[in-house]
Amino acid sequence: MNIKDYTPRKDFETIRARIIGKGGKSLKTLNTLTNCHFELKDNDVGIIGSPECIKNAQDAVIMVIQGSKHANVYSYLEKHHVQPILDLGLKKKKRTKKKSEE
C-alpha cells in the first residue's frame, strides 16, 4: 500500500518514522498484535501474513498514517484480534467393506 493514497501531507519521512517508531518499537508492537510482518520501502508499506490478519494490519497502518495516537491503534488491534480457526473434527467417515464384497 502506498502512503500517498492515505494522507495529503508531504513529509513522508515523518510518517515513515511514526510507523517504525523509536528504535523500531512501534513496528515490533504492530508485528506482535497483528501476527503480520511489515516491509517499508520508500513510500510503500508491504504487509505479509495470513489473509485473516492482513485486514486488521492494514487498518492499523492507515490509522498511524492518518495521525492517530499509537495507544489508540494498539487498543483497536486488541479489541479486533483475530481468533485462530479451530478444527471441529468434521472428517469423512471411512468406508468399511461389507461381507458380500470380500
PDB file of N, CA and C in Angstrom:
ATOM      1  N   MET A   1       0.837  -1.171   0.000  1.00  0.00           N
ATOM      2  CA  MET A   1       0.000   0.000   0.000  1.00  0.00           C
ATOM      3  C   MET A   1       0.880   1.233   0.000  1.00  0.00           C
ATOM      4  N   ASN A   2       0.441   2.260  -0.664  1.00  0.00           N
ATOM      5  CA  ASN A   2       1.221   3.474  -0.820  1.00  0.00           C
ATOM      6  C   ASN A   2       0.762   4.514   0.203  1.00  0.00           C
ATOM      7  N   ILE A   3       1.705   5.126   0.893  1.00  0.00           N
ATOM      8  CA  ILE A   3       1.393   6.127   1.920  1.00  0.00           C
ATOM      9  C   ILE A   3       0.664   7.322   1.299  1.00  0.00           C
ATOM     10  N   LYS A   4       1.012   7.670   0.080  1.00  0.00           N
ATOM     11  CA  LYS A   4       0.425   8.835  -0.581  1.00  0.00           C
ATOM     12  C   LYS A   4      -1.085   8.710  -0.757  1.00  0.00           C
ATOM     13  N   ASP A   5      -1.586   7.488  -0.812  1.00  0.00           N
ATOM     14  CA  ASP A   5      -3.019   7.276  -1.020  1.00  0.00           C
ATOM     15  C   ASP A   5      -3.847   7.594   0.218  1.00  0.00           C
ATOM     16  N   TYR A   6      -3.218   7.688   1.392  1.00  0.00           N
ATOM     17  CA  TYR A   6      -3.963   7.811   2.636  1.00  0.00           C
ATOM     18  C   TYR A   6      -3.730   9.115   3.386  1.00  0.00           C
ATOM     19  N   THR A   7      -2.913  10.020   2.839  1.00  0.00           N
ATOM     20  CA  THR A   7      -2.674  11.286   3.531  1.00  0.00           C
ATOM     21  C   THR A   7      -2.370  12.396   2.522  1.00  0.00           C
ATOM     22  N   PRO A   8      -2.816  13.616   2.811  1.00  0.00           N
ATOM     23  CA  PRO A   8      -2.469  14.745   1.947  1.00  0.00           C
ATOM     24  C   PRO A   8      -1.118  15.368   2.314  1.00  0.00           C
ATOM     25  N   ARG A   9      -0.517  14.932   3.429  1.00  0.00           N
ATOM     26  CA  ARG A   9       0.751  15.503   3.887  1.00  0.00           C
ATOM     27  C   ARG A   9       1.875  15.162   2.930  1.00  0.00           C
ATOM     28  N   LYS A  10       2.899  16.001   2.921  1.00  0.00           N
ATOM     29  CA  LYS A  10       4.039  15.803   2.027  1.00  0.00           C
ATOM     30  C   LYS A  10       5.308  15.356   2.743  1.00  0.00           C
ATOM     31  N   ASP A  11       5.306  15.348   4.081  1.00  0.00           N
ATOM     32  CA  ASP A  11       6.504  14.957   4.835  1.00  0.00           C
ATOM     33  C   ASP A  11       6.460  13.450   5.143  1.00  0.00           C
ATOM     34  N   PHE A  12       6.830  12.676   4.136  1.00  0.00           N
ATOM     35  CA  PHE A  12       6.728  11.226   4.238  1.00  0.00           C
ATOM     36  C   PHE A  12       7.755  10.639   5.202  1.00  0.00           C
ATOM     37  N   GLU A  13       8.861  11.347   5.431  1.00  0.00           N
ATOM     38  CA  GLU A  13       9.848  10.868   6.401  1.00  0.00           C
ATOM     39  C   GLU A  13       9.237  10.796   7.793  1.00  0.00           C
ATOM     40  N   THR A  14       8.451  11.784   8.151  1.00  0.00           N
ATOM     41  CA  THR A  14       7.800  11.803   9.459  1.00  0.00           C
ATOM     42  C   THR A  14       6.795  10.667   9.575  1.00  0.00           C
ATOM     43  N   ILE A  15       6.055  10.421   8.516  1.00  0.00           N
ATOM     44  CA  ILE A  15       5.052   9.355   8.535  1.00  0.00           C
ATOM     45  C   ILE A  15       5.730   7.989   8.642  1.00  0.00           C
ATOM     46  N   ARG A  16       6.809   7.785   7.878  1.00  0.00           N
ATOM     47  CA  ARG A  16       7.553   6.525   7.976  1.00  0.00           C
ATOM     48  C   ARG A  16       8.131   6.354   9.384  1.00  0.00           C
ATOM     49  N   ALA A  17       8.585   7.454   9.968  1.00  0.00           N
ATOM     50  CA  ALA A  17       9.136   7.406  11.330  1.00  0.00           C
ATOM     51  C   ALA A  17       8.051   7.027  12.338  1.00  0.00           C
ATOM     52  N   ARG A  18       6.828   7.488  12.120  1.00  0.00           N
ATOM     53  CA  ARG A  18       5.711   7.121  13.009  1.00  0.00           C
ATOM     54  C   ARG A  18       5.403   5.627  12.905  1.00  0.00           C
ATOM     55  N   ILE A  19       5.492   5.086  11.703  1.00  0.00           N
ATOM     56  CA  ILE A  19       5.212   3.659  11.519  1.00  0.00           C
ATOM     57  C   ILE A  19       6.300   2.816  12.191  1.00  0.00           C
ATOM     58  N   ILE A  20       7.563   3.212  12.013  1.00  0.00           N
ATOM     59  CA  ILE A  20       8.675   2.451  12.578  1.00  0.00           C
ATOM     60  C   ILE A  20       8.772   2.643  14.085  1.00  0.00           C
ATOM     61  N   GLY A  21       8.639   3.871  14.545  1.00  0.00           N
ATOM     62  CA  GLY A  21       8.724   4.158  15.968  1.00  0.00           C
ATOM     63  C   GLY A  21      10.159   4.318  16.432  1.00  0.00           C
ATOM     64  N   LYS A  22      10.318   4.707  17.669  1.00  0.00           N
ATOM     65  CA  LYS A  22      11.646   4.940  18.232  1.00  0.00           C
ATOM     66  C   LYS A  22      12.326   3.600  18.476  1.00  0.00           C
ATOM     67  N   GLY A  23      13.435   3.375  17.765  1.00  0.00           N
ATOM     68  CA  GLY A  23      14.153   2.116  17.892  1.00  0.00           C
ATOM     69  C   GLY A  23      13.388   0.928  17.322  1.00  0.00           C
ATOM     70  N   GLY A  24      12.397   1.164  16.471  1.00  0.00           N
ATOM     71  CA  GLY A  24      11.612   0.082  15.884  1.00  0.00           C
ATOM     72  C   GLY A  24      10.542  -0.478  16.808  1.00  0.00           C
ATOM     73  N   LYS A  25      10.291   0.222  17.904  1.00  0.00           N
ATOM     74  CA  LYS A  25       9.355  -0.288  18.907  1.00  0.00           C
ATOM     75  C   LYS A  25       7.920  -0.356  18.385  1.00  0.00           C
ATOM     76  N   SER A  26       7.491   0.655  17.654  1.00  0.00           N
ATOM     77  CA  SER A  26       6.122   0.664  17.121  1.00  0.00           C
ATOM     78  C   SER A  26       5.919  -0.462  16.115  1.00  0.00           C
ATOM     79  N   LEU A  27       6.886  -0.650  15.249  1.00  0.00           N
ATOM     80  CA  LEU A  27       6.798  -1.707  14.237  1.00  0.00           C
ATOM     81  C   LEU A  27       6.775  -3.091  14.894  1.00  0.00           C
ATOM     82  N   LYS A  28       7.563  -3.272  15.934  1.00  0.00           N
ATOM     83  CA  LYS A  28       7.590  -4.550  16.646  1.00  0.00           C
ATOM     84  C   LYS A  28       6.257  -4.817  17.337  1.00  0.00           C
ATOM     85  N   THR A  29       5.649  -3.788  17.915  1.00  0.00           N
ATOM     86  CA  THR A  29       4.353  -3.937  18.565  1.00  0.00           C
ATOM     87  C   THR A  29       3.271  -4.280  17.541  1.00  0.00           C
ATOM     88  N   LEU A  30       3.318  -3.621  16.385  1.00  0.00           N
ATOM     89  CA  LEU A  30       2.360  -3.940  15.319  1.00  0.00           C
ATOM     90  C   LEU A  30       2.539  -5.385  14.854  1.00  0.00           C
ATOM     91  N   ASN A  31       3.779  -5.837  14.731  1.00  0.00           N
ATOM     92  CA  ASN A  31       4.049  -7.236  14.361  1.00  0.00           C
ATOM     93  C   ASN A  31       3.409  -8.191  15.353  1.00  0.00           C
ATOM     94  N   THR A  32       3.588  -7.902  16.629  1.00  0.00           N
ATOM     95  CA  THR A  32       3.087  -8.784  17.680  1.00  0.00           C
ATOM     96  C   THR A  32       1.566  -8.820  17.712  1.00  0.00           C
ATOM     97  N   LEU A  33       0.927  -7.649  17.625  1.00  0.00           N
ATOM     98  CA  LEU A  33      -0.522  -7.581  17.755  1.00  0.00           C
ATOM     99  C   LEU A  33      -1.266  -8.096  16.524  1.00  0.00           C
ATOM    100  N   THR A  34      -0.645  -8.017  15.351  1.00  0.00           N
ATOM    101  CA  THR A  34      -1.344  -8.417  14.128  1.00  0.00           C
ATOM    102  C   THR A  34      -0.908  -9.763  13.583  1.00  0.00           C
ATOM    103  N   ASN A  35       0.175 -10.316  14.106  1.00  0.00           N
ATOM    104  CA  ASN A  35       0.754 -11.562  13.574  1.00  0.00           C
ATOM    105  C   ASN A  35       1.116 -11.425  12.102  1.00  0.00           C
ATOM    106  N   CYS A  36       1.537 -10.237  11.684  1.00  0.00           N
ATOM    107  CA  CYS A  36       1.960  -9.966  10.311  1.00  0.00           C
ATOM    108  C   CYS A  36       3.347  -9.320  10.347  1.00  0.00           C
ATOM    109  N   HIS A  37       4.036  -9.396   9.227  1.00  0.00           N
ATOM    110  CA  HIS A  37       5.338  -8.745   9.084  1.00  0.00           C
ATOM    111  C   HIS A  37       5.175  -7.562   8.136  1.00  0.00           C
ATOM    112  N   PHE A  38       5.921  -6.492   8.399  1.00  0.00           N
ATOM    113  CA  PHE A  38       5.812  -5.264   7.615  1.00  0.00           C
ATOM    114  C   PHE A  38       7.132  -4.983   6.915  1.00  0.00           C
ATOM    115  N   GLU A  39       7.052  -4.524   5.685  1.00  0.00           N
ATOM    116  CA  GLU A  39       8.216  -4.113   4.906  1.00  0.00           C
ATOM    117  C   GLU A  39       7.983  -2.687   4.441  1.00  0.00           C
ATOM    118  N   LEU A  40       8.961  -1.818   4.685  1.00  0.00           N
ATOM    119  CA  LEU A  40       8.871  -0.419   4.256  1.00  0.00           C
ATOM    120  C   LEU A  40       9.937  -0.154   3.203  1.00  0.00           C
ATOM    121  N   LYS A  41       9.512   0.415   2.090  1.00  0.00           N
ATOM    122  CA  LYS A  41      10.455   0.821   1.060  1.00  0.00           C
ATOM    123  C   LYS A  41       9.909   2.090   0.432  1.00  0.00           C
ATOM    124  N   ASP A  42      10.680   3.147   0.499  1.00  0.00           N
ATOM    125  CA  ASP A  42      10.269   4.466   0.018  1.00  0.00           C
ATOM    126  C   ASP A  42       8.921   4.824   0.636  1.00  0.00           C
ATOM    127  N   ASN A  43       7.892   4.991  -0.176  1.00  0.00           N
ATOM    128  CA  ASN A  43       6.575   5.360   0.346  1.00  0.00           C
ATOM    129  C   ASN A  43       5.602   4.189   0.314  1.00  0.00           C
ATOM    130  N   ASP A  44       6.112   2.976   0.220  1.00  0.00           N
ATOM    131  CA  ASP A  44       5.272   1.791   0.173  1.00  0.00           C
ATOM    132  C   ASP A  44       5.422   0.987   1.457  1.00  0.00           C
ATOM    133  N   VAL A  45       4.303   0.432   1.908  1.00  0.00           N
ATOM    134  CA  VAL A  45       4.291  -0.437   3.076  1.00  0.00           C
ATOM    135  C   VAL A  45       3.765  -1.784   2.615  1.00  0.00           C
ATOM    136  N   GLY A  46       4.568  -2.821   2.816  1.00  0.00           N
ATOM    137  CA  GLY A  46       4.155  -4.177   2.465  1.00  0.00           C
ATOM    138  C   GLY A  46       3.761  -4.928   3.716  1.00  0.00           C
ATOM    139  N   ILE A  47       2.667  -5.688   3.632  1.00  0.00           N
ATOM    140  CA  ILE A  47       2.185  -6.464   4.773  1.00  0.00           C
ATOM    141  C   ILE A  47       2.194  -7.934   4.369  1.00  0.00           C
ATOM    142  N   ILE A  48       2.884  -8.748   5.160  1.00  0.00           N
ATOM    143  CA  ILE A  48       2.990 -10.179   4.887  1.00  0.00           C
ATOM    144  C   ILE A  48       2.375 -10.928   6.061  1.00  0.00           C
ATOM    145  N   GLY A  49       1.371 -11.750   5.772  1.00  0.00           N
ATOM    146  CA  GLY A  49       0.737 -12.517   6.834  1.00  0.00           C
ATOM    147  C   GLY A  49      -0.425 -13.312   6.302  1.00  0.00           C
ATOM    148  N   SER A  50      -1.150 -13.942   7.216  1.00  0.00           N
ATOM    149  CA  SER A  50      -2.300 -14.735   6.808  1.00  0.00           C
ATOM    150  C   SER A  50      -3.439 -13.801   6.391  1.00  0.00           C
ATOM    151  N   PRO A  51      -4.288 -14.248   5.486  1.00  0.00           N
ATOM    152  CA  PRO A  51      -5.366 -13.388   4.978  1.00  0.00           C
ATOM    153  C   PRO A  51      -6.304 -12.875   6.068  1.00  0.00           C
ATOM    154  N   GLU A  52      -6.491 -13.654   7.132  1.00  0.00           N
ATOM    155  CA  GLU A  52      -7.392 -13.213   8.204  1.00  0.00           C
ATOM    156  C   GLU A  52      -6.818 -12.023   8.962  1.00  0.00           C
ATOM    157  N   CYS A  53      -5.502 -11.936   9.039  1.00  0.00           N
ATOM    158  CA  CYS A  53      -4.843 -10.908   9.853  1.00  0.00           C
ATOM    159  C   CYS A  53      -4.499  -9.643   9.069  1.00  0.00           C
ATOM    160  N   ILE A  54      -4.428  -9.738   7.755  1.00  0.00           N
ATOM    161  CA  ILE A  54      -3.966  -8.606   6.952  1.00  0.00           C
ATOM    162  C   ILE A  54      -4.912  -7.417   7.038  1.00  0.00           C
ATOM    163  N   LYS A  55      -6.219  -7.646   7.113  1.00  0.00           N
ATOM    164  CA  LYS A  55      -7.182  -6.541   7.164  1.00  0.00           C
ATOM    165  C   LYS A  55      -6.946  -5.663   8.390  1.00  0.00           C
ATOM    166  N   ASN A  56      -6.776  -6.283   9.563  1.00  0.00           N
ATOM    167  CA  ASN A  56      -6.512  -5.507  10.782  1.00  0.00           C
ATOM    168  C   ASN A  56      -5.184  -4.773  10.689  1.00  0.00           C
ATOM    169  N   ALA A  57      -4.168  -5.411  10.131  1.00  0.00           N
ATOM    170  CA  ALA A  57      -2.863  -4.782   9.996  1.00  0.00           C
ATOM    171  C   ALA A  57      -2.947  -3.575   9.065  1.00  0.00           C
ATOM    172  N   GLN A  58      -3.680  -3.718   7.982  1.00  0.00           N
ATOM    173  CA  GLN A  58      -3.842  -2.619   7.032  1.00  0.00           C
ATOM    174  C   GLN A  58      -4.582  -1.452   7.690  1.00  0.00           C
ATOM    175  N   ASP A  59      -5.646  -1.740   8.429  1.00  0.00           N
ATOM    176  CA  ASP A  59      -6.384  -0.683   9.127  1.00  0.00           C
ATOM    177  C   ASP A  59      -5.495   0.036  10.136  1.00  0.00           C
ATOM    178  N   ALA A  60      -4.657  -0.720  10.844  1.00  0.00           N
ATOM    179  CA  ALA A  60      -3.776  -0.125  11.844  1.00  0.00           C
ATOM    180  C   ALA A  60      -2.753   0.800  11.199  1.00  0.00           C
ATOM    181  N   VAL A  61      -2.152   0.376  10.096  1.00  0.00           N
ATOM    182  CA  VAL A  61      -1.165   1.222   9.412  1.00  0.00           C
ATOM    183  C   VAL A  61      -1.828   2.487   8.879  1.00  0.00           C
ATOM    184  N   ILE A  62      -3.037   2.366   8.347  1.00  0.00           N
ATOM    185  CA  ILE A  62      -3.756   3.548   7.848  1.00  0.00           C
ATOM    186  C   ILE A  62      -4.041   4.511   8.990  1.00  0.00           C
ATOM    187  N   MET A  63      -4.408   3.983  10.159  1.00  0.00           N
ATOM    188  CA  MET A  63      -4.666   4.854  11.300  1.00  0.00           C
ATOM    189  C   MET A  63      -3.401   5.603  11.714  1.00  0.00           C
ATOM    190  N   VAL A  64      -2.251   4.919  11.713  1.00  0.00           N
ATOM    191  CA  VAL A  64      -0.986   5.577  12.072  1.00  0.00           C
ATOM    192  C   VAL A  64      -0.637   6.635  11.023  1.00  0.00           C
ATOM    193  N   ILE A  65      -0.816   6.320   9.756  1.00  0.00           N
ATOM    194  CA  ILE A  65      -0.518   7.273   8.681  1.00  0.00           C
ATOM    195  C   ILE A  65      -1.370   8.520   8.826  1.00  0.00           C
ATOM    196  N   GLN A  66      -2.625   8.353   9.192  1.00  0.00           N
ATOM    197  CA  GLN A  66      -3.536   9.487   9.301  1.00  0.00           C
ATOM    198  C   GLN A  66      -3.393  10.259  10.602  1.00  0.00           C
ATOM    199  N   GLY A  67      -2.486   9.816  11.478  1.00  0.00           N
ATOM    200  CA  GLY A  67      -2.151  10.615  12.657  1.00  0.00           C
ATOM    201  C   GLY A  67      -2.775  10.172  13.958  1.00  0.00           C
ATOM    202  N   SER A  68      -3.381   9.007  14.017  1.00  0.00           N
ATOM    203  CA  SER A  68      -3.944   8.523  15.276  1.00  0.00           C
ATOM    204  C   SER A  68      -2.836   8.253  16.284  1.00  0.00           C
ATOM    205  N   LYS A  69      -3.167   8.368  17.553  1.00  0.00           N
ATOM    206  CA  LYS A  69      -2.200   8.059  18.593  1.00  0.00           C
ATOM    207  C   LYS A  69      -1.923   6.564  18.574  1.00  0.00           C
ATOM    208  N   HIS A  70      -0.670   6.207  18.865  1.00  0.00           N
ATOM    209  CA  HIS A  70      -0.292   4.799  18.849  1.00  0.00           C
ATOM    210  C   HIS A  70      -1.093   3.993  19.865  1.00  0.00           C
ATOM    211  N   ALA A  71      -1.374   4.574  21.019  1.00  0.00           N
ATOM    212  CA  ALA A  71      -2.137   3.861  22.044  1.00  0.00           C
ATOM    213  C   ALA A  71      -3.529   3.507  21.536  1.00  0.00           C
ATOM    214  N   ASN A  72      -4.145   4.415  20.779  1.00  0.00           N
ATOM    215  CA  ASN A  72      -5.471   4.138  20.223  1.00  0.00           C
ATOM    216  C   ASN A  72      -5.413   3.028  19.175  1.00  0.00           C
ATOM    217  N   VAL A  73      -4.359   3.011  18.388  1.00  0.00           N
ATOM    218  CA  VAL A  73      -4.198   1.971  17.372  1.00  0.00           C
ATOM    219  C   VAL A  73      -4.014   0.615  18.047  1.00  0.00           C
ATOM    220  N   TYR A  74      -3.193   0.564  19.102  1.00  0.00           N
ATOM    221  CA  TYR A  74      -2.951  -0.696  19.798  1.00  0.00           C
ATOM    222  C   TYR A  74      -4.223  -1.214  20.462  1.00  0.00           C
ATOM    223  N   SER A  75      -5.007  -0.326  21.060  1.00  0.00           N
ATOM    224  CA  SER A  75      -6.251  -0.769  21.700  1.00  0.00           C
ATOM    225  C   SER A  75      -7.245  -1.259  20.647  1.00  0.00           C
ATOM    226  N   TYR A  76      -7.259  -0.631  19.467  1.00  0.00           N
ATOM    227  CA  TYR A  76      -8.102  -1.101  18.365  1.00  0.00           C
ATOM    228  C   TYR A  76      -7.714  -2.526  17.969  1.00  0.00           C
ATOM    229  N   LEU A  77      -6.407  -2.777  17.869  1.00  0.00           N
ATOM    230  CA  LEU A  77      -5.939  -4.106  17.484  1.00  0.00           C
ATOM    231  C   LEU A  77      -6.255  -5.152  18.548  1.00  0.00           C
ATOM    232  N   GLU A  78      -6.182  -4.763  19.814  1.00  0.00           N
ATOM    233  CA  GLU A  78      -6.503  -5.708  20.881  1.00  0.00           C
ATOM    234  C   GLU A  78      -7.981  -6.065  20.886  1.00  0.00           C
ATOM    235  N   LYS A  79      -8.837  -5.106  20.563  1.00  0.00           N
ATOM    236  CA  LYS A  79     -10.279  -5.364  20.516  1.00  0.00           C
ATOM    237  C   LYS A  79     -10.665  -6.201  19.305  1.00  0.00           C
ATOM    238  N   HIS A  80      -9.961  -6.019  18.194  1.00  0.00           N
ATOM    239  CA  HIS A  80     -10.298  -6.706  16.946  1.00  0.00           C
ATOM    240  C   HIS A  80      -9.332  -7.844  16.636  1.00  0.00           C
ATOM    241  N   HIS A  81      -8.812  -8.473  17.675  1.00  0.00           N
ATOM    242  CA  HIS A  81      -7.855  -9.566  17.496  1.00  0.00           C
ATOM    243  C   HIS A  81      -8.546 -10.745  16.819  1.00  0.00           C
ATOM    244  N   VAL A  82      -7.912 -11.299  15.792  1.00  0.00           N
ATOM    245  CA  VAL A  82      -8.468 -12.423  15.052  1.00  0.00           C
ATOM    246  C   VAL A  82      -8.228 -13.700  15.845  1.00  0.00           C
ATOM    247  N   GLN A  83      -9.308 -14.427  16.097  1.00  0.00           N
ATOM    248  CA  GLN A  83      -9.203 -15.689  16.817  1.00  0.00           C
ATOM    249  C   GLN A  83      -8.756 -16.783  15.861  1.00  0.00           C
ATOM    250  N   PRO A  84      -7.915 -17.700  16.305  1.00  0.00           N
ATOM    251  CA  PRO A  84      -7.482 -18.781  15.427  1.00  0.00           C
ATOM    252  C   PRO A  84      -8.650 -19.702  15.080  1.00  0.00           C
ATOM    253  N   ILE A  85      -8.588 -20.273  13.899  1.00  0.00           N
ATOM    254  CA  ILE A  85      -9.637 -21.168  13.440  1.00  0.00           C
ATOM    255  C   ILE A  85      -9.414 -22.537  14.066  1.00  0.00           C
ATOM    256  N   LEU A  86     -10.457 -23.057  14.677  1.00  0.00           N
ATOM    257  CA  LEU A  86     -10.357 -24.339  15.355  1.00  0.00           C
ATOM    258  C   LEU A  86     -10.859 -25.456  14.445  1.00  0.00           C
ATOM    259  N   ASP A  87     -10.226 -26.592  14.540  1.00  0.00           N
ATOM    260  CA  ASP A  87     -10.683 -27.762  13.800  1.00  0.00           C
ATOM    261  C   ASP A  87     -11.804 -28.409  14.600  1.00  0.00           C
ATOM    262  N   LEU A  88     -12.976 -28.526  13.989  1.00  0.00           N
ATOM    263  CA  LEU A  88     -14.119 -29.090  14.690  1.00  0.00           C
ATOM    264  C   LEU A  88     -14.178 -30.606  14.600  1.00  0.00           C
ATOM    265  N   GLY A  89     -13.212 -31.193  13.933  1.00  0.00           N
ATOM    266  CA  GLY A  89     -13.163 -32.640  13.863  1.00  0.00           C
ATOM    267  C   GLY A  89     -14.144 -33.244  12.876  1.00  0.00           C
ATOM    268  N   LEU A  90     -14.588 -32.474  11.924  1.00  0.00           N
ATOM    269  CA  LEU A  90     -15.520 -32.988  10.933  1.00  0.00           C
ATOM    270  C   LEU A  90     -14.732 -33.649   9.813  1.00  0.00           C
ATOM    271  N   LYS A  91     -14.681 -34.942   9.837  1.00  0.00           N
ATOM    272  CA  LYS A  91     -13.946 -35.682   8.830  1.00  0.00           C
ATOM    273  C   LYS A  91     -14.891 -36.660   8.152  1.00  0.00           C
ATOM    274  N   LYS A  92     -14.526 -37.051   6.974  1.00  0.00           N
ATOM    275  CA  LYS A  92     -15.313 -38.059   6.278  1.00  0.00           C
ATOM    276  C   LYS A  92     -15.134 -39.398   6.984  1.00  0.00           C
ATOM    277  N   LYS A  93     -16.227 -40.135   7.042  1.00  0.00           N
ATOM    278  CA  LYS A  93     -16.162 -41.450   7.654  1.00  0.00           C
ATOM    279  C   LYS A  93     -15.513 -42.419   6.685  1.00  0.00           C
ATOM    280  N   LYS A  94     -14.750 -43.340   7.246  1.00  0.00           N
ATOM    281  CA  LYS A  94     -14.120 -44.361   6.421  1.00  0.00           C
ATOM    282  C   LYS A  94     -15.165 -45.387   6.012  1.00  0.00           C
ATOM    283  N   ARG A  95     -15.055 -45.827   4.781  1.00  0.00           N
ATOM    284  CA  ARG A  95     -15.968 -46.843   4.304  1.00  0.00           C
ATOM    285  C   ARG A  95     -15.454 -48.206   4.730  1.00  0.00           C
ATOM    286  N   THR A  96     -16.349 -49.024   5.197  1.00  0.00           N
ATOM    287  CA  THR A  96     -15.981 -50.382   5.583  1.00  0.00           C
ATOM    288  C   THR A  96     -16.485 -51.361   4.530  1.00  0.00           C
ATOM    289  N   LYS A  97     -15.777 -52.427   4.377  1.00  0.00           N
ATOM    290  CA  LYS A  97     -16.185 -53.448   3.418  1.00  0.00           C
ATOM    291  C   LYS A  97     -17.304 -54.291   3.991  1.00  0.00           C
ATOM    292  N   LYS A  98     -18.243 -54.574   3.145  1.00  0.00           N
ATOM    293  CA  LYS A  98     -19.319 -55.474   3.559  1.00  0.00           C
ATOM    294  C   LYS A  98     -18.853 -56.911   3.349  1.00  0.00           C
ATOM    295  N   LYS A  99     -19.492 -57.822   4.022  1.00  0.00           N
ATOM    296  CA  LYS A  99     -19.119 -59.232   3.925  1.00  0.00           C
ATOM    297  C   LYS A  99     -19.299 -59.757   2.491  1.00  0.00           C
ATOM    298  N   SER A 100     -20.288 -59.224   1.785  1.00  0.00           N
ATOM    299  CA  SER A 100     -20.563 -59.706   0.441  1.00  0.00           C
ATOM    300  C   SER A 100     -19.482 -59.265  -0.551  1.00  0.00           C
ATOM    301  N   GLU A 101     -18.762 -58.173  -0.255  1.00  0.00           N
ATOM    302  CA  GLU A 101     -17.728 -57.650  -1.150  1.00  0.00           C
ATOM    303  C   GLU A 101     -16.435 -58.438  -1.010  1.00  0.00           C
ATOM    304  N   GLU A 102     -16.216 -59.140   0.108  1.00  0.00           N
ATOM    305  CA  GLU A 102     -14.965 -59.844   0.357  1.00  0.00           C
ATOM    306  C   GLU A 102     -14.854 -61.055  -0.440  1.00  0.00           C
TER     307      GLU A 102
END
